[in-house]
């Protein structure tokens, strides 16, 4: 999943402060089901754009304890629409 937000106008680079992320660095976090990355493709005083990239690991998701402990019979099967926002 890829999501962007853009701020325009004077002091647009304050978007980094709102998100609590430094605009000149890439921020990565490992999650139990994949990895999330936040970066800024453009960080000027007039235009600032933040992007969130979420990479889902379907194998790790299928092997997680969350599906095994639930007793759900189809827990080993992952939806083939891995990037659906629902």
PDB file of N, CA and C in Angstrom:
ATOM      1  N   UNK A   1       0.846  -1.153   0.000  1.00  0.00           N
ATOM      2  CA  UNK A   1       0.000   0.000   0.000  1.00  0.00           C
ATOM      3  C   UNK A   1       0.897   1.222   0.000  1.00  0.00           C
ATOM      4  N   UNK A   2       0.530   2.213  -0.771  1.00  0.00           N
ATOM      5  CA  UNK A   2       1.293   3.451  -0.870  1.00  0.00           C
ATOM      6  C   UNK A   2       0.324   4.613  -0.660  1.00  0.00           C
ATOM      7  N   UNK A   3       0.631   5.478   0.280  1.00  0.00           N
ATOM      8  CA  UNK A   3      -0.247   6.601   0.609  1.00  0.00           C
ATOM      9  C   UNK A   3       0.608   7.853   0.765  1.00  0.00           C
ATOM     10  N   UNK A   4       0.165   8.963   0.168  1.00  0.00           N
ATOM     11  CA  UNK A   4       0.896  10.224   0.300  1.00  0.00           C
ATOM     12  C   UNK A   4      -0.026  11.311   0.824  1.00  0.00           C
ATOM     13  N   UNK A   5       0.578  12.282   1.473  1.00  0.00           N
ATOM     14  CA  UNK A   5      -0.116  13.484   1.921  1.00  0.00           C
ATOM     15  C   UNK A   5       0.778  14.661   1.576  1.00  0.00           C
ATOM     16  N   UNK A   6       0.178  15.736   1.051  1.00  0.00           N
ATOM     17  CA  UNK A   6       0.942  16.898   0.603  1.00  0.00           C
ATOM     18  C   UNK A   6       0.417  18.148   1.302  1.00  0.00           C
ATOM     19  N   UNK A   7       1.337  18.941   1.790  1.00  0.00           N
ATOM     20  CA  UNK A   7       1.003  20.240   2.369  1.00  0.00           C
ATOM     21  C   UNK A   7       1.590  21.327   1.479  1.00  0.00           C
ATOM     22  N   UNK A   8       0.796  22.341   1.190  1.00  0.00           N
ATOM     23  CA  UNK A   8       1.236  23.447   0.344  1.00  0.00           C
ATOM     24  C   UNK A   8       1.048  24.760   1.088  1.00  0.00           C
ATOM     25  N   UNK A   9       1.869  25.724   0.736  1.00  0.00           N
ATOM     26  CA  UNK A   9       1.757  27.045   1.336  1.00  0.00           C
ATOM     27  C   UNK A   9       2.969  27.376   2.177  1.00  0.00           C
ATOM     28  N   UNK A  10       2.929  28.532   2.799  1.00  0.00           N
ATOM     29  CA  UNK A  10       4.070  28.913   3.638  1.00  0.00           C
ATOM     30  C   UNK A  10       4.220  27.951   4.825  1.00  0.00           C
ATOM     31  N   UNK A  11       5.427  27.654   5.147  1.00  0.00           N
ATOM     32  CA  UNK A  11       5.763  26.724   6.243  1.00  0.00           C
ATOM     33  C   UNK A  11       5.180  25.327   6.020  1.00  0.00           C
ATOM     34  N   UNK A  12       5.168  24.869   4.778  1.00  0.00           N
ATOM     35  CA  UNK A  12       4.654  23.528   4.477  1.00  0.00           C
ATOM     36  C   UNK A  12       5.539  22.447   5.071  1.00  0.00           C
ATOM     37  N   UNK A  13       6.814  22.753   5.283  1.00  0.00           N
ATOM     38  CA  UNK A  13       7.711  21.743   5.836  1.00  0.00           C
ATOM     39  C   UNK A  13       7.418  21.441   7.307  1.00  0.00           C
ATOM     40  N   UNK A  14       6.469  22.132   7.906  1.00  0.00           N
ATOM     41  CA  UNK A  14       6.035  21.796   9.261  1.00  0.00           C
ATOM     42  C   UNK A  14       5.282  20.470   9.303  1.00  0.00           C
ATOM     43  N   UNK A  15       4.972  19.910   8.147  1.00  0.00           N
ATOM     44  CA  UNK A  15       4.329  18.599   8.090  1.00  0.00           C
ATOM     45  C   UNK A  15       5.185  17.547   8.779  1.00  0.00           C
ATOM     46  N   UNK A  16       6.485  17.687   8.683  1.00  0.00           N
ATOM     47  CA  UNK A  16       7.381  16.765   9.378  1.00  0.00           C
ATOM     48  C   UNK A  16       7.220  16.835  10.886  1.00  0.00           C
ATOM     49  N   UNK A  17       6.980  18.026  11.416  1.00  0.00           N
ATOM     50  CA  UNK A  17       6.761  18.179  12.847  1.00  0.00           C
ATOM     51  C   UNK A  17       5.414  17.591  13.260  1.00  0.00           C
ATOM     52  N   UNK A  18       4.406  17.744  12.408  1.00  0.00           N
ATOM     53  CA  UNK A  18       3.088  17.195  12.705  1.00  0.00           C
ATOM     54  C   UNK A  18       3.147  15.666  12.769  1.00  0.00           C
ATOM     55  N   UNK A  19       3.908  15.071  11.861  1.00  0.00           N
ATOM     56  CA  UNK A  19       4.043  13.616  11.826  1.00  0.00           C
ATOM     57  C   UNK A  19       5.134  13.096  12.751  1.00  0.00           C
ATOM     58  N   UNK A  20       5.861  13.992  13.392  1.00  0.00           N
ATOM     59  CA  UNK A  20       6.964  13.647  14.295  1.00  0.00           C
ATOM     60  C   UNK A  20       8.042  12.839  13.582  1.00  0.00           C
ATOM     61  N   UNK A  21       8.327  13.208  12.341  1.00  0.00           N
ATOM     62  CA  UNK A  21       9.360  12.556  11.540  1.00  0.00           C
ATOM     63  C   UNK A  21      10.248  13.607  10.906  1.00  0.00           C
ATOM     64  N   UNK A  22      11.539  13.355  10.851  1.00  0.00           N
ATOM     65  CA  UNK A  22      12.481  14.272  10.219  1.00  0.00           C
ATOM     66  C   UNK A  22      12.380  14.111   8.711  1.00  0.00           C
ATOM     67  N   UNK A  23      12.153  15.203   7.971  1.00  0.00           N
ATOM     68  CA  UNK A  23      11.929  15.078   6.521  1.00  0.00           C
ATOM     69  C   UNK A  23      13.138  14.620   5.712  1.00  0.00           C
ATOM     70  N   UNK A  24      14.319  14.662   6.272  1.00  0.00           N
ATOM     71  CA  UNK A  24      15.513  14.308   5.504  1.00  0.00           C
ATOM     72  C   UNK A  24      16.021  12.902   5.824  1.00  0.00           C
ATOM     73  N   UNK A  25      15.175  12.096   6.483  1.00  0.00           N
ATOM     74  CA  UNK A  25      15.551  10.722   6.789  1.00  0.00           C
ATOM     75  C   UNK A  25      14.425   9.765   6.402  1.00  0.00           C
ATOM     76  N   UNK A  26      14.783   8.529   6.175  1.00  0.00           N
ATOM     77  CA  UNK A  26      13.813   7.474   5.913  1.00  0.00           C
ATOM     78  C   UNK A  26      13.567   6.749   7.229  1.00  0.00           C
ATOM     79  N   UNK A  27      12.306   6.532   7.558  1.00  0.00           N
ATOM     80  CA  UNK A  27      11.936   5.896   8.817  1.00  0.00           C
ATOM     81  C   UNK A  27      11.303   4.547   8.506  1.00  0.00           C
ATOM     82  N   UNK A  28      11.884   3.476   9.065  1.00  0.00           N
ATOM     83  CA  UNK A  28      11.373   2.119   8.840  1.00  0.00           C
ATOM     84  C   UNK A  28      10.998   1.489  10.171  1.00  0.00           C
ATOM     85  N   UNK A  29       9.935   0.700  10.133  1.00  0.00           N
ATOM     86  CA  UNK A  29       9.526  -0.037  11.324  1.00  0.00           C
ATOM     87  C   UNK A  29       9.069  -1.425  10.899  1.00  0.00           C
ATOM     88  N   UNK A  30       9.627  -2.434  11.555  1.00  0.00           N
ATOM     89  CA  UNK A  30       9.196  -3.803  11.311  1.00  0.00           C
ATOM     90  C   UNK A  30       7.933  -4.069  12.114  1.00  0.00           C
ATOM     91  N   UNK A  31       6.954  -4.630  11.455  1.00  0.00           N
ATOM     92  CA  UNK A  31       5.693  -4.986  12.087  1.00  0.00           C
ATOM     93  C   UNK A  31       5.567  -6.507  12.066  1.00  0.00           C
ATOM     94  N   UNK A  32       4.646  -7.042  12.780  1.00  0.00           N
ATOM     95  CA  UNK A  32       4.487  -8.485  12.824  1.00  0.00           C
ATOM     96  C   UNK A  32       4.050  -9.084  11.504  1.00  0.00           C
ATOM     97  N   UNK A  33       3.509  -8.298  10.628  1.00  0.00           N
ATOM     98  CA  UNK A  33       2.994  -8.788   9.349  1.00  0.00           C
ATOM     99  C   UNK A  33       3.654  -8.134   8.150  1.00  0.00           C
ATOM    100  N   UNK A  34       4.711  -7.359   8.359  1.00  0.00           N
ATOM    101  CA  UNK A  34       5.417  -6.719   7.247  1.00  0.00           C
ATOM    102  C   UNK A  34       6.288  -5.575   7.724  1.00  0.00           C
ATOM    103  N   UNK A  35       6.441  -4.581   6.868  1.00  0.00           N
ATOM    104  CA  UNK A  35       7.295  -3.439   7.176  1.00  0.00           C
ATOM    105  C   UNK A  35       6.615  -2.152   6.718  1.00  0.00           C
ATOM    106  N   UNK A  36       6.729  -1.110   7.524  1.00  0.00           N
ATOM    107  CA  UNK A  36       6.192   0.204   7.177  1.00  0.00           C
ATOM    108  C   UNK A  36       7.360   1.178   7.024  1.00  0.00           C
ATOM    109  N   UNK A  37       7.318   1.987   5.970  1.00  0.00           N
ATOM    110  CA  UNK A  37       8.363   2.973   5.697  1.00  0.00           C
ATOM    111  C   UNK A  37       7.705   4.327   5.476  1.00  0.00           C
ATOM    112  N   UNK A  38       8.230   5.341   6.159  1.00  0.00           N
ATOM    113  CA  UNK A  38       7.777   6.722   5.969  1.00  0.00           C
ATOM    114  C   UNK A  38       8.958   7.512   5.424  1.00  0.00           C
ATOM    115  N   UNK A  39       8.722   8.221   4.318  1.00  0.00           N
ATOM    116  CA  UNK A  39       9.761   9.062   3.742  1.00  0.00           C
ATOM    117  C   UNK A  39       9.111  10.288   3.110  1.00  0.00           C
ATOM    118  N   UNK A  40       9.927  11.257   2.796  1.00  0.00           N
ATOM    119  CA  UNK A  40       9.465  12.521   2.239  1.00  0.00           C
ATOM    120  C   UNK A  40      10.060  12.694   0.843  1.00  0.00           C
ATOM    121  N   UNK A  41       9.291  12.449  -0.235  1.00  0.00           N
ATOM    122  CA  UNK A  41       9.813  12.646  -1.584  1.00  0.00           C
ATOM    123  C   UNK A  41      10.146  14.108  -1.877  1.00  0.00           C
ATOM    124  N   UNK A  42       9.392  15.016  -1.268  1.00  0.00           N
ATOM    125  CA  UNK A  42       9.651  16.444  -1.464  1.00  0.00           C
ATOM    126  C   UNK A  42       9.451  17.162  -0.142  1.00  0.00           C
ATOM    127  N   UNK A  43      10.439  17.938   0.271  1.00  0.00           N
ATOM    128  CA  UNK A  43      10.376  18.672   1.534  1.00  0.00           C
ATOM    129  C   UNK A  43      10.968  20.052   1.331  1.00  0.00           C
ATOM    130  N   UNK A  44      10.166  20.957   0.779  1.00  0.00           N
ATOM    131  CA  UNK A  44      10.565  22.349   0.584  1.00  0.00           C
ATOM    132  C   UNK A  44       9.776  23.235   1.540  1.00  0.00           C
ATOM    133  N   UNK A  45      10.111  24.511   1.555  1.00  0.00           N
ATOM    134  CA  UNK A  45       9.369  25.451   2.395  1.00  0.00           C
ATOM    135  C   UNK A  45       7.958  25.683   1.862  1.00  0.00           C
ATOM    136  N   UNK A  46       7.752  25.523   0.554  1.00  0.00           N
ATOM    137  CA  UNK A  46       6.434  25.772  -0.047  1.00  0.00           C
ATOM    138  C   UNK A  46       5.604  24.513  -0.239  1.00  0.00           C
ATOM    139  N   UNK A  47       6.255  23.386  -0.489  1.00  0.00           N
ATOM    140  CA  UNK A  47       5.548  22.121  -0.713  1.00  0.00           C
ATOM    141  C   UNK A  47       6.273  21.012   0.050  1.00  0.00           C
ATOM    142  N   UNK A  48       5.513  20.261   0.829  1.00  0.00           N
ATOM    143  CA  UNK A  48       6.085  19.126   1.562  1.00  0.00           C
ATOM    144  C   UNK A  48       5.169  17.933   1.360  1.00  0.00           C
ATOM    145  N   UNK A  49       5.755  16.813   0.962  1.00  0.00           N
ATOM    146  CA  UNK A  49       4.991  15.606   0.688  1.00  0.00           C
ATOM    147  C   UNK A  49       5.556  14.467   1.521  1.00  0.00           C
ATOM    148  N   UNK A  50       4.694  13.803   2.276  1.00  0.00           N
ATOM    149  CA  UNK A  50       5.074  12.635   3.070  1.00  0.00           C
ATOM    150  C   UNK A  50       4.444  11.399   2.443  1.00  0.00           C
ATOM    151  N   UNK A  51       5.170  10.293   2.443  1.00  0.00           N
ATOM    152  CA  UNK A  51       4.684   9.052   1.850  1.00  0.00           C
ATOM    153  C   UNK A  51       4.817   7.917   2.858  1.00  0.00           C
ATOM    154  N   UNK A  52       3.812   7.062   2.876  1.00  0.00           N
ATOM    155  CA  UNK A  52       3.804   5.861   3.698  1.00  0.00           C
ATOM    156  C   UNK A  52       3.740   4.658   2.776  1.00  0.00           C
ATOM    157  N   UNK A  53       4.713   3.767   2.910  1.00  0.00           N
ATOM    158  CA  UNK A  53       4.765   2.543   2.122  1.00  0.00           C
ATOM    159  C   UNK A  53       4.664   1.367   3.086  1.00  0.00           C
ATOM    160  N   UNK A  54       3.647   0.543   2.902  1.00  0.00           N
ATOM    161  CA  UNK A  54       3.441  -0.629   3.747  1.00  0.00           C
ATOM    162  C   UNK A  54       3.611  -1.866   2.882  1.00  0.00           C
ATOM    163  N   UNK A  55       4.550  -2.719   3.266  1.00  0.00           N
ATOM    164  CA  UNK A  55       4.796  -3.968   2.555  1.00  0.00           C
ATOM    165  C   UNK A  55       4.330  -5.117   3.446  1.00  0.00           C
ATOM    166  N   UNK A  56       3.348  -5.861   2.954  1.00  0.00           N
ATOM    167  CA  UNK A  56       2.785  -6.983   3.698  1.00  0.00           C
ATOM    168  C   UNK A  56       3.535  -8.254   3.336  1.00  0.00           C
ATOM    169  N   UNK A  57       3.924  -9.016   4.350  1.00  0.00           N
ATOM    170  CA  UNK A  57       4.582 -10.309   4.151  1.00  0.00           C
ATOM    171  C   UNK A  57       3.526 -11.403   4.293  1.00  0.00           C
ATOM    172  N   UNK A  58       2.980 -11.913   3.174  1.00  0.00           N
ATOM    173  CA  UNK A  58       1.890 -12.892   3.280  1.00  0.00           C
ATOM    174  C   UNK A  58       2.319 -14.206   3.933  1.00  0.00           C
ATOM    175  N   UNK A  59       3.564 -14.619   3.755  1.00  0.00           N
ATOM    176  CA  UNK A  59       4.039 -15.860   4.374  1.00  0.00           C
ATOM    177  C   UNK A  59       4.144 -15.681   5.888  1.00  0.00           C
ATOM    178  N   UNK A  60       4.713 -14.549   6.306  1.00  0.00           N
ATOM    179  CA  UNK A  60       4.802 -14.267   7.736  1.00  0.00           C
ATOM    180  C   UNK A  60       3.435 -14.106   8.371  1.00  0.00           C
ATOM    181  N   UNK A  61       2.500 -13.555   7.621  1.00  0.00           N
ATOM    182  CA  UNK A  61       1.141 -13.386   8.116  1.00  0.00           C
ATOM    183  C   UNK A  61       0.465 -14.744   8.296  1.00  0.00           C
ATOM    184  N   UNK A  62       0.688 -15.644   7.358  1.00  0.00           N
ATOM    185  CA  UNK A  62       0.089 -16.977   7.448  1.00  0.00           C
ATOM    186  C   UNK A  62       0.691 -17.794   8.579  1.00  0.00           C
ATOM    187  N   UNK A  63       1.947 -17.572   8.888  1.00  0.00           N
ATOM    188  CA  UNK A  63       2.626 -18.343   9.935  1.00  0.00           C
ATOM    189  C   UNK A  63       2.522 -17.706  11.312  1.00  0.00           C
ATOM    190  N   UNK A  64       1.860 -16.575  11.425  1.00  0.00           N
ATOM    191  CA  UNK A  64       1.787 -15.892  12.716  1.00  0.00           C
ATOM    192  C   UNK A  64       0.900 -16.668  13.690  1.00  0.00           C
ATOM    193  N   UNK A  65       1.144 -16.483  14.945  1.00  0.00           N
ATOM    194  CA  UNK A  65       0.392 -17.186  15.987  1.00  0.00           C
ATOM    195  C   UNK A  65      -1.049 -16.698  16.061  1.00  0.00           C
ATOM    196  N   UNK A  66      -1.342 -15.538  15.537  1.00  0.00           N
ATOM    197  CA  UNK A  66      -2.692 -14.988  15.591  1.00  0.00           C
ATOM    198  C   UNK A  66      -3.693 -15.914  14.890  1.00  0.00           C
ATOM    199  N   UNK A  67      -3.310 -16.514  13.762  1.00  0.00           N
ATOM    200  CA  UNK A  67      -4.213 -17.395  13.037  1.00  0.00           C
ATOM    201  C   UNK A  67      -4.222 -18.802  13.628  1.00  0.00           C
ATOM    202  N   UNK A  68      -3.106 -19.242  14.170  1.00  0.00           N
ATOM    203  CA  UNK A  68      -3.024 -20.592  14.714  1.00  0.00           C
ATOM    204  C   UNK A  68      -3.829 -20.726  16.005  1.00  0.00           C
ATOM    205  N   UNK A  69      -3.819 -19.713  16.840  1.00  0.00           N
ATOM    206  CA  UNK A  69      -4.469 -19.791  18.139  1.00  0.00           C
ATOM    207  C   UNK A  69      -5.982 -19.617  18.049  1.00  0.00           C
ATOM    208  N   UNK A  70      -6.484 -19.108  16.943  1.00  0.00           N
ATOM    209  CA  UNK A  70      -7.912 -18.816  16.864  1.00  0.00           C
ATOM    210  C   UNK A  70      -8.760 -20.051  16.590  1.00  0.00           C
ATOM    211  N   UNK A  71      -8.152 -21.131  16.112  1.00  0.00           N
ATOM    212  CA  UNK A  71      -8.911 -22.312  15.776  1.00  0.00           C
ATOM    213  C   UNK A  71      -9.682 -22.172  14.475  1.00  0.00           C
ATOM    214  N   UNK A  72      -9.397 -21.164  13.719  1.00  0.00           N
ATOM    215  CA  UNK A  72     -10.060 -20.897  12.449  1.00  0.00           C
ATOM    216  C   UNK A  72      -9.552 -21.885  11.410  1.00  0.00           C
ATOM    217  N   UNK A  73     -10.448 -22.666  10.823  1.00  0.00           N
ATOM    218  CA  UNK A  73     -10.047 -23.733   9.897  1.00  0.00           C
ATOM    219  C   UNK A  73      -9.316 -23.215   8.671  1.00  0.00           C
ATOM    220  N   UNK A  74      -9.683 -22.048   8.186  1.00  0.00           N
ATOM    221  CA  UNK A  74      -9.053 -21.501   6.987  1.00  0.00           C
ATOM    222  C   UNK A  74      -7.931 -20.522   7.334  1.00  0.00           C
ATOM    223  N   UNK A  75      -7.394 -20.618   8.527  1.00  0.00           N
ATOM    224  CA  UNK A  75      -6.372 -19.692   8.968  1.00  0.00           C
ATOM    225  C   UNK A  75      -5.089 -19.743   8.163  1.00  0.00           C
ATOM    226  N   UNK A  76      -4.804 -20.888   7.534  1.00  0.00           N
ATOM    227  CA  UNK A  76      -3.595 -21.006   6.730  1.00  0.00           C
ATOM    228  C   UNK A  76      -3.741 -20.375   5.351  1.00  0.00           C
ATOM    229  N   UNK A  77      -4.946 -20.045   4.977  1.00  0.00           N
ATOM    230  CA  UNK A  77      -5.182 -19.465   3.655  1.00  0.00           C
ATOM    231  C   UNK A  77      -5.251 -17.944   3.768  1.00  0.00           C
ATOM    232  N   UNK A  78      -4.506 -17.279   2.927  1.00  0.00           N
ATOM    233  CA  UNK A  78      -4.457 -15.819   2.927  1.00  0.00           C
ATOM    234  C   UNK A  78      -5.255 -15.313   1.737  1.00  0.00           C
ATOM    235  N   UNK A  79      -5.941 -14.241   1.946  1.00  0.00           N
ATOM    236  CA  UNK A  79      -6.689 -13.608   0.866  1.00  0.00           C
ATOM    237  C   UNK A  79      -5.722 -13.240  -0.255  1.00  0.00           C
ATOM    238  N   UNK A  80      -6.088 -13.546  -1.489  1.00  0.00           N
ATOM    239  CA  UNK A  80      -5.197 -13.257  -2.607  1.00  0.00           C
ATOM    240  C   UNK A  80      -5.130 -11.766  -2.936  1.00  0.00           C
ATOM    241  N   UNK A  81      -5.953 -10.967  -2.299  1.00  0.00           N
ATOM    242  CA  UNK A  81      -5.898  -9.521  -2.495  1.00  0.00           C
ATOM    243  C   UNK A  81      -5.089  -8.911  -1.347  1.00  0.00           C
ATOM    244  N   UNK A  82      -3.807  -9.118  -1.384  1.00  0.00           N
ATOM    245  CA  UNK A  82      -2.941  -8.719  -0.253  1.00  0.00           C
ATOM    246  C   UNK A  82      -2.903  -7.216  -0.053  1.00  0.00           C
ATOM    247  N   UNK A  83      -3.215  -6.443  -1.041  1.00  0.00           N
ATOM    248  CA  UNK A  83      -3.111  -4.992  -0.904  1.00  0.00           C
ATOM    249  C   UNK A  83      -4.468  -4.312  -0.835  1.00  0.00           C
ATOM    250  N   UNK A  84      -5.509  -5.037  -0.475  1.00  0.00           N
ATOM    251  CA  UNK A  84      -6.822  -4.428  -0.300  1.00  0.00           C
ATOM    252  C   UNK A  84      -6.823  -3.591   0.971  1.00  0.00           C
ATOM    253  N   UNK A  85      -7.393  -2.438   0.913  1.00  0.00           N
ATOM    254  CA  UNK A  85      -7.366  -1.518   2.055  1.00  0.00           C
ATOM    255  C   UNK A  85      -8.342  -1.902   3.151  1.00  0.00           C
ATOM    256  N   UNK A  86      -9.237  -2.807   2.890  1.00  0.00           N
ATOM    257  CA  UNK A  86     -10.206  -3.192   3.901  1.00  0.00           C
ATOM    258  C   UNK A  86      -9.555  -4.011   4.989  1.00  0.00           C
TER     259      UNK A  86
END
